[in-house]
Amino acid sequence: MIPSPYKPSSESDNPALTSRGERALQKGQQTKQLIIDAALGLAEQIGLEGLSIGTLAEVTRMSKSGVFAHFGSREELQISVIREYDKRFADEVFFPAMNEPQGLPRVRALFANWMKRVAVEIQSGCIFISGAVEFDDRPGPVRDALASSVQTWLAAMYRAVVQAKDLGHLVGDADEKQMAFEIHGLILALHYEARFLKNPGAIDHANTGFENILLRYGKSVARPMPAQR
């Protein structure tokens, strides 16, 4: 039998070598994930621009060449961090909300999960926010990766709002784009008020703003009962 050119017989026919190769691959993936985790922690504090191969080598106690070997460039490292952040965001905010019924219940769940995420980011930082400042006028792969992640998330919120209108949960003349825009605006305002201005009432204001949006656009939304005197 002629060995396949895509599978050298020296490895494929030797279980010990194959197993050794799999372990090496797994170890390499684990090391790369460790570097990404460390890089994400730094990026949340100092921004994507603050990342460097040298700094990560110090944090992870690896050589510069060892860190560089997993990414090849600082730009690829930044993009890997964005992808990891996007994955964690989806796992915490988007996917849990998909367990809720379509319509306003899902819109509420998306916003509630987003607020939980922001409550943490007020302390740790958000690379979607800091990255927008760093790369808003700097075309390139890093900016593209950031913009793509944000656009994907905003599109998901918009779809949830559209579904709510289709199901009759919103008034007939509700502007879905405007409603999604206003919800996003609340989150941006919350980051500014809470993280930059240190306003202790910012989270309550954001939640109140969201309820006001539902009162304005929602159909048959239960209004809060007036306080008893």
C-alpha atoms as a PDB file:
ATOM      1  CA  MET A   1       0.000   0.000   0.000  1.00  0.00           C
ATOM      2  CA  ILE A   2       1.343   3.410  -0.939  1.00  0.00           C
ATOM      3  CA  PRO A   3       1.266   5.798   2.057  1.00  0.00           C
ATOM      4  CA  SER A   4      -1.000   8.808   1.665  1.00  0.00           C
ATOM      5  CA  PRO A   5       0.940  12.045   1.095  1.00  0.00           C
ATOM      6  CA  TYR A   6      -1.405  13.733   3.573  1.00  0.00           C
ATOM      7  CA  LYS A   7      -0.656  11.309   6.400  1.00  0.00           C
ATOM      8  CA  PRO A   8       2.988  10.287   6.702  1.00  0.00           C
ATOM      9  CA  SER A   9       3.298   6.633   7.633  1.00  0.00           C
ATOM     10  CA  SER A  10       6.017   7.440  10.175  1.00  0.00           C
ATOM     11  CA  GLU A  11       3.389   9.089  12.413  1.00  0.00           C
ATOM     12  CA  SER A  12       0.058   7.551  11.449  1.00  0.00           C
ATOM     13  CA  ASP A  13       1.332   4.003  11.826  1.00  0.00           C
ATOM     14  CA  ASN A  14       2.886   4.669  15.215  1.00  0.00           C
ATOM     15  CA  PRO A  15       0.314   5.117  18.023  1.00  0.00           C
ATOM     16  CA  ALA A  16       2.965   6.407  20.413  1.00  0.00           C
ATOM     17  CA  LEU A  17       3.973   9.208  18.051  1.00  0.00           C
ATOM     18  CA  THR A  18       0.353  10.066  17.313  1.00  0.00           C
ATOM     19  CA  SER A  19      -0.465  10.247  21.023  1.00  0.00           C
ATOM     20  CA  ARG A  20       2.603  12.366  21.650  1.00  0.00           C
ATOM     21  CA  GLY A  21       1.573  14.737  18.885  1.00  0.00           C
ATOM     22  CA  GLU A  22      -1.949  15.061  20.281  1.00  0.00           C
ATOM     23  CA  ARG A  23      -0.585  15.847  23.739  1.00  0.00           C
ATOM     24  CA  ALA A  24       1.741  18.467  22.301  1.00  0.00           C
ATOM     25  CA  LEU A  25      -1.153  20.039  20.381  1.00  0.00           C
ATOM     26  CA  GLN A  26      -3.342  20.068  23.471  1.00  0.00           C
ATOM     27  CA  LYS A  27      -0.583  21.616  25.555  1.00  0.00           C
ATOM     28  CA  GLY A  28      -0.039  24.269  22.902  1.00  0.00           C
ATOM     29  CA  GLN A  29      -3.735  25.136  22.879  1.00  0.00           C
ATOM     30  CA  GLN A  30      -3.792  25.345  26.674  1.00  0.00           C
ATOM     31  CA  THR A  31      -0.764  27.633  26.678  1.00  0.00           C
ATOM     32  CA  LYS A  32      -2.304  29.870  24.039  1.00  0.00           C
ATOM     33  CA  GLN A  33      -5.547  30.094  26.054  1.00  0.00           C
ATOM     34  CA  LEU A  34      -3.559  31.015  29.162  1.00  0.00           C
ATOM     35  CA  ILE A  35      -1.910  33.853  27.246  1.00  0.00           C
ATOM     36  CA  ILE A  36      -5.272  35.056  25.875  1.00  0.00           C
ATOM     37  CA  ASP A  37      -6.801  35.006  29.369  1.00  0.00           C
ATOM     38  CA  ALA A  38      -3.923  37.099  30.695  1.00  0.00           C
ATOM     39  CA  ALA A  39      -4.107  39.446  27.709  1.00  0.00           C
ATOM     40  CA  LEU A  40      -7.840  39.945  28.156  1.00  0.00           C
ATOM     41  CA  GLY A  41      -7.376  40.809  31.812  1.00  0.00           C
ATOM     42  CA  LEU A  42      -4.794  43.409  30.861  1.00  0.00           C
ATOM     43  CA  ALA A  43      -6.832  44.791  27.952  1.00  0.00           C
ATOM     44  CA  GLU A  44      -9.843  45.384  30.217  1.00  0.00           C
ATOM     45  CA  GLN A  45      -7.637  47.518  32.456  1.00  0.00           C
ATOM     46  CA  ILE A  46      -5.278  49.283  30.045  1.00  0.00           C
ATOM     47  CA  GLY A  47      -6.942  48.826  26.650  1.00  0.00           C
ATOM     48  CA  LEU A  48      -5.980  46.836  23.588  1.00  0.00           C
ATOM     49  CA  GLU A  49      -3.253  49.320  22.700  1.00  0.00           C
ATOM     50  CA  GLY A  50      -1.561  48.630  26.010  1.00  0.00           C
ATOM     51  CA  LEU A  51      -0.946  45.009  25.080  1.00  0.00           C
ATOM     52  CA  SER A  52       2.528  43.953  24.093  1.00  0.00           C
ATOM     53  CA  ILE A  53       4.354  40.677  23.660  1.00  0.00           C
ATOM     54  CA  GLY A  54       6.879  41.786  26.283  1.00  0.00           C
ATOM     55  CA  THR A  55       4.292  42.622  28.927  1.00  0.00           C
ATOM     56  CA  LEU A  56       2.486  39.333  28.425  1.00  0.00           C
ATOM     57  CA  ALA A  57       5.762  37.445  28.628  1.00  0.00           C
ATOM     58  CA  GLU A  58       6.321  38.992  32.054  1.00  0.00           C
ATOM     59  CA  VAL A  59       2.773  38.318  33.248  1.00  0.00           C
ATOM     60  CA  THR A  60       2.740  34.698  32.063  1.00  0.00           C
ATOM     61  CA  ARG A  61       6.416  34.121  32.959  1.00  0.00           C
ATOM     62  CA  MET A  62       7.167  32.995  29.430  1.00  0.00           C
ATOM     63  CA  SER A  63       9.824  34.088  26.969  1.00  0.00           C
ATOM     64  CA  LYS A  64       8.957  36.720  24.379  1.00  0.00           C
ATOM     65  CA  SER A  65       9.631  34.208  21.635  1.00  0.00           C
ATOM     66  CA  GLY A  66       7.308  31.719  23.345  1.00  0.00           C
ATOM     67  CA  VAL A  67       4.438  34.221  23.405  1.00  0.00           C
ATOM     68  CA  PHE A  68       5.168  35.419  19.882  1.00  0.00           C
ATOM     69  CA  ALA A  69       5.110  31.848  18.554  1.00  0.00           C
ATOM     70  CA  HIS A  70       1.420  31.494  19.434  1.00  0.00           C
ATOM     71  CA  PHE A  71       0.290  34.661  17.628  1.00  0.00           C
ATOM     72  CA  GLY A  72       2.940  35.873  15.215  1.00  0.00           C
ATOM     73  CA  SER A  73       2.153  39.548  15.727  1.00  0.00           C
ATOM     74  CA  ARG A  74       0.756  42.015  18.230  1.00  0.00           C
ATOM     75  CA  GLU A  75      -2.179  42.615  15.907  1.00  0.00           C
ATOM     76  CA  GLU A  76      -3.125  38.939  15.887  1.00  0.00           C
ATOM     77  CA  LEU A  77      -2.878  38.918  19.673  1.00  0.00           C
ATOM     78  CA  GLN A  78      -5.298  41.857  19.865  1.00  0.00           C
ATOM     79  CA  ILE A  79      -7.741  40.154  17.513  1.00  0.00           C
ATOM     80  CA  SER A  80      -7.565  36.931  19.555  1.00  0.00           C
ATOM     81  CA  VAL A  81      -8.435  38.932  22.671  1.00  0.00           C
ATOM     82  CA  ILE A  82     -11.416  40.511  20.906  1.00  0.00           C
ATOM     83  CA  ARG A  83     -12.670  37.081  19.826  1.00  0.00           C
ATOM     84  CA  GLU A  84     -12.344  35.737  23.355  1.00  0.00           C
ATOM     85  CA  TYR A  85     -14.154  38.742  24.804  1.00  0.00           C
ATOM     86  CA  ASP A  86     -16.913  38.364  22.219  1.00  0.00           C
ATOM     87  CA  LYS A  87     -17.290  34.654  23.064  1.00  0.00           C
ATOM     88  CA  ARG A  88     -17.604  35.359  26.779  1.00  0.00           C
ATOM     89  CA  PHE A  89     -20.078  38.151  26.108  1.00  0.00           C
ATOM     90  CA  ALA A  90     -22.248  35.829  24.029  1.00  0.00           C
ATOM     91  CA  ASP A  91     -22.068  33.070  26.653  1.00  0.00           C
ATOM     92  CA  GLU A  92     -23.122  35.426  29.452  1.00  0.00           C
ATOM     93  CA  VAL A  93     -25.555  37.738  27.686  1.00  0.00           C
ATOM     94  CA  PHE A  94     -26.908  36.304  24.440  1.00  0.00           C
ATOM     95  CA  PHE A  95     -27.274  32.545  24.819  1.00  0.00           C
ATOM     96  CA  PRO A  96     -29.024  32.544  28.232  1.00  0.00           C
ATOM     97  CA  ALA A  97     -31.599  34.997  26.855  1.00  0.00           C
ATOM     98  CA  MET A  98     -32.413  32.596  24.011  1.00  0.00           C
ATOM     99  CA  ASN A  99     -34.070  30.341  26.607  1.00  0.00           C
ATOM    100  CA  GLU A 100     -36.736  33.007  27.102  1.00  0.00           C
ATOM    101  CA  PRO A 101     -39.833  33.253  24.881  1.00  0.00           C
ATOM    102  CA  GLN A 102     -39.569  35.530  21.869  1.00  0.00           C
ATOM    103  CA  GLY A 103     -40.898  39.040  22.256  1.00  0.00           C
ATOM    104  CA  LEU A 104     -40.583  41.336  25.236  1.00  0.00           C
ATOM    105  CA  PRO A 105     -39.526  38.505  27.608  1.00  0.00           C
ATOM    106  CA  ARG A 106     -36.449  37.966  25.445  1.00  0.00           C
ATOM    107  CA  VAL A 107     -35.772  41.692  25.086  1.00  0.00           C
ATOM    108  CA  ARG A 108     -35.966  41.998  28.868  1.00  0.00           C
ATOM    109  CA  ALA A 109     -33.616  39.036  29.316  1.00  0.00           C
ATOM    110  CA  LEU A 110     -31.074  40.466  26.869  1.00  0.00           C
ATOM    111  CA  PHE A 111     -31.066  43.790  28.685  1.00  0.00           C
ATOM    112  CA  ALA A 112     -30.964  42.197  32.149  1.00  0.00           C
ATOM    113  CA  ASN A 113     -28.022  39.987  31.176  1.00  0.00           C
ATOM    114  CA  TRP A 114     -26.294  42.975  29.584  1.00  0.00           C
ATOM    115  CA  MET A 115     -26.733  44.922  32.803  1.00  0.00           C
ATOM    116  CA  LYS A 116     -25.177  42.094  34.830  1.00  0.00           C
ATOM    117  CA  ARG A 117     -22.201  42.182  32.493  1.00  0.00           C
ATOM    118  CA  VAL A 118     -21.900  45.954  32.769  1.00  0.00           C
ATOM    119  CA  ALA A 119     -22.028  45.777  36.575  1.00  0.00           C
ATOM    120  CA  VAL A 120     -18.783  43.797  36.394  1.00  0.00           C
ATOM    121  CA  GLU A 121     -17.279  45.923  33.624  1.00  0.00           C
ATOM    122  CA  ILE A 122     -17.769  49.080  35.662  1.00  0.00           C
ATOM    123  CA  GLN A 123     -14.938  47.762  37.809  1.00  0.00           C
ATOM    124  CA  SER A 124     -12.879  45.811  35.270  1.00  0.00           C
ATOM    125  CA  GLY A 125     -13.438  47.779  32.073  1.00  0.00           C
ATOM    126  CA  CYS A 126     -14.972  46.901  28.698  1.00  0.00           C
ATOM    127  CA  ILE A 127     -12.877  46.506  25.565  1.00  0.00           C
ATOM    128  CA  PHE A 128     -15.895  47.275  23.371  1.00  0.00           C
ATOM    129  CA  ILE A 129     -15.985  50.726  24.991  1.00  0.00           C
ATOM    130  CA  SER A 130     -12.257  51.388  25.302  1.00  0.00           C
ATOM    131  CA  GLY A 131     -11.594  49.808  21.904  1.00  0.00           C
ATOM    132  CA  ALA A 132     -14.079  52.153  20.232  1.00  0.00           C
ATOM    133  CA  VAL A 133     -12.077  55.102  21.549  1.00  0.00           C
ATOM    134  CA  GLU A 134      -8.728  53.591  20.575  1.00  0.00           C
ATOM    135  CA  PHE A 135      -9.670  52.426  17.074  1.00  0.00           C
ATOM    136  CA  ASP A 136     -12.592  54.598  15.966  1.00  0.00           C
ATOM    137  CA  ASP A 137     -10.470  56.396  13.373  1.00  0.00           C
ATOM    138  CA  ARG A 138      -7.871  53.704  12.725  1.00  0.00           C
ATOM    139  CA  PRO A 139      -8.871  51.412   9.845  1.00  0.00           C
ATOM    140  CA  GLY A 140      -7.490  47.900   9.931  1.00  0.00           C
ATOM    141  CA  PRO A 141      -8.101  44.316  11.072  1.00  0.00           C
ATOM    142  CA  VAL A 142      -8.310  45.167  14.789  1.00  0.00           C
ATOM    143  CA  ARG A 143     -10.931  47.846  14.238  1.00  0.00           C
ATOM    144  CA  ASP A 144     -12.804  45.506  11.889  1.00  0.00           C
ATOM    145  CA  ALA A 145     -12.838  42.735  14.513  1.00  0.00           C
ATOM    146  CA  LEU A 146     -14.121  45.123  17.171  1.00  0.00           C
ATOM    147  CA  ALA A 147     -16.794  46.632  14.940  1.00  0.00           C
ATOM    148  CA  SER A 148     -17.939  43.193  13.754  1.00  0.00           C
ATOM    149  CA  SER A 149     -18.401  41.972  17.333  1.00  0.00           C
ATOM    150  CA  VAL A 150     -20.400  45.029  18.362  1.00  0.00           C
ATOM    151  CA  GLN A 151     -22.507  44.986  15.197  1.00  0.00           C
ATOM    152  CA  THR A 152     -23.322  41.300  15.682  1.00  0.00           C
ATOM    153  CA  TRP A 153     -24.546  41.947  19.208  1.00  0.00           C
ATOM    154  CA  LEU A 154     -26.581  45.030  18.273  1.00  0.00           C
ATOM    155  CA  ALA A 155     -28.146  43.086  15.399  1.00  0.00           C
ATOM    156  CA  ALA A 156     -29.215  40.418  17.890  1.00  0.00           C
ATOM    157  CA  MET A 157     -30.897  43.019  20.095  1.00  0.00           C
ATOM    158  CA  TYR A 158     -32.576  44.565  17.058  1.00  0.00           C
ATOM    159  CA  ARG A 159     -33.911  41.157  15.936  1.00  0.00           C
ATOM    160  CA  ALA A 160     -35.375  40.601  19.409  1.00  0.00           C
ATOM    161  CA  VAL A 161     -37.147  43.974  19.205  1.00  0.00           C
ATOM    162  CA  VAL A 162     -38.464  43.198  15.706  1.00  0.00           C
ATOM    163  CA  GLN A 163     -39.796  39.853  16.932  1.00  0.00           C
ATOM    164  CA  ALA A 164     -41.505  41.624  19.829  1.00  0.00           C
ATOM    165  CA  LYS A 165     -43.304  43.891  17.380  1.00  0.00           C
ATOM    166  CA  ASP A 166     -44.212  40.995  15.082  1.00  0.00           C
ATOM    167  CA  LEU A 167     -45.753  39.189  18.057  1.00  0.00           C
ATOM    168  CA  GLY A 168     -47.855  42.215  18.962  1.00  0.00           C
ATOM    169  CA  HIS A 169     -45.915  43.099  22.102  1.00  0.00           C
ATOM    170  CA  LEU A 170     -45.184  46.605  20.818  1.00  0.00           C
ATOM    171  CA  VAL A 171     -47.500  49.344  19.610  1.00  0.00           C
ATOM    172  CA  GLY A 172     -48.167  49.284  15.885  1.00  0.00           C
ATOM    173  CA  ASP A 173     -46.165  52.412  15.065  1.00  0.00           C
ATOM    174  CA  ALA A 174     -43.161  51.431  17.199  1.00  0.00           C
ATOM    175  CA  ASP A 175     -39.862  52.216  15.488  1.00  0.00           C
ATOM    176  CA  GLU A 176     -37.757  49.085  16.066  1.00  0.00           C
ATOM    177  CA  LYS A 177     -34.486  50.751  15.091  1.00  0.00           C
ATOM    178  CA  GLN A 178     -35.133  53.682  17.390  1.00  0.00           C
ATOM    179  CA  MET A 179     -36.018  51.394  20.299  1.00  0.00           C
ATOM    180  CA  ALA A 180     -32.850  49.312  19.846  1.00  0.00           C
ATOM    181  CA  PHE A 181     -30.815  52.523  19.517  1.00  0.00           C
ATOM    182  CA  GLU A 182     -32.205  53.867  22.783  1.00  0.00           C
ATOM    183  CA  ILE A 183     -31.464  50.618  24.625  1.00  0.00           C
ATOM    184  CA  HIS A 184     -27.882  50.736  23.398  1.00  0.00           C
ATOM    185  CA  GLY A 185     -27.690  54.373  24.405  1.00  0.00           C
ATOM    186  CA  LEU A 186     -28.596  53.465  27.991  1.00  0.00           C
ATOM    187  CA  ILE A 187     -25.652  51.090  28.219  1.00  0.00           C
ATOM    188  CA  LEU A 188     -23.222  53.638  26.811  1.00  0.00           C
ATOM    189  CA  ALA A 189     -24.501  56.285  29.230  1.00  0.00           C
ATOM    190  CA  LEU A 190     -24.197  53.820  32.114  1.00  0.00           C
ATOM    191  CA  HIS A 191     -20.538  53.136  31.346  1.00  0.00           C
ATOM    192  CA  TYR A 192     -19.791  56.867  31.248  1.00  0.00           C
ATOM    193  CA  GLU A 193     -21.794  57.740  34.360  1.00  0.00           C
ATOM    194  CA  ALA A 194     -20.709  54.792  36.493  1.00  0.00           C
ATOM    195  CA  ARG A 195     -17.106  54.128  35.440  1.00  0.00           C
ATOM    196  CA  PHE A 196     -15.928  57.636  34.551  1.00  0.00           C
ATOM    197  CA  LEU A 197     -18.093  59.909  36.707  1.00  0.00           C
ATOM    198  CA  LYS A 198     -18.553  57.386  39.547  1.00  0.00           C
ATOM    199  CA  ASN A 199     -22.251  58.210  39.848  1.00  0.00           C
ATOM    200  CA  PRO A 200     -23.635  55.703  42.400  1.00  0.00           C
ATOM    201  CA  GLY A 201     -27.164  55.963  40.994  1.00  0.00           C
ATOM    202  CA  ALA A 202     -26.229  55.174  37.395  1.00  0.00           C
ATOM    203  CA  ILE A 203     -27.433  51.557  37.382  1.00  0.00           C
ATOM    204  CA  ASP A 204     -30.836  52.549  38.788  1.00  0.00           C
ATOM    205  CA  HIS A 205     -31.133  55.302  36.182  1.00  0.00           C
ATOM    206  CA  ALA A 206     -30.358  52.813  33.396  1.00  0.00           C
ATOM    207  CA  ASN A 207     -32.965  50.349  34.651  1.00  0.00           C
ATOM    208  CA  THR A 208     -35.536  53.132  34.939  1.00  0.00           C
ATOM    209  CA  GLY A 209     -34.674  54.286  31.435  1.00  0.00           C
ATOM    210  CA  PHE A 210     -35.278  50.785  30.097  1.00  0.00           C
ATOM    211  CA  GLU A 211     -38.683  50.565  31.792  1.00  0.00           C
ATOM    212  CA  ASN A 212     -39.567  53.969  30.316  1.00  0.00           C
ATOM    213  CA  ILE A 213     -38.678  52.641  26.864  1.00  0.00           C
ATOM    214  CA  LEU A 214     -41.022  49.688  27.376  1.00  0.00           C
ATOM    215  CA  LEU A 215     -43.790  51.970  28.615  1.00  0.00           C
ATOM    216  CA  ARG A 216     -43.428  54.101  25.498  1.00  0.00           C
ATOM    217  CA  TYR A 217     -43.172  51.322  22.925  1.00  0.00           C
ATOM    218  CA  GLY A 218     -44.787  48.357  24.646  1.00  0.00           C
ATOM    219  CA  LYS A 219     -48.383  47.247  24.330  1.00  0.00           C
ATOM    220  CA  SER A 220     -50.249  46.246  27.483  1.00  0.00           C
ATOM    221  CA  VAL A 221     -47.144  46.646  29.609  1.00  0.00           C
ATOM    222  CA  ALA A 222     -47.998  46.582  33.284  1.00  0.00           C
ATOM    223  CA  ARG A 223     -47.341  49.987  34.795  1.00  0.00           C
ATOM    224  CA  PRO A 224     -45.965  50.133  38.336  1.00  0.00           C
ATOM    225  CA  MET A 225     -48.584  50.660  41.029  1.00  0.00           C
ATOM    226  CA  PRO A 226     -48.492  54.084  42.719  1.00  0.00           C
ATOM    227  CA  ALA A 227     -47.014  54.079  46.190  1.00  0.00           C
ATOM    228  CA  GLN A 228     -49.547  53.733  49.013  1.00  0.00           C
ATOM    229  CA  ARG A 229     -49.786  56.647  51.407  1.00  0.00           C
END
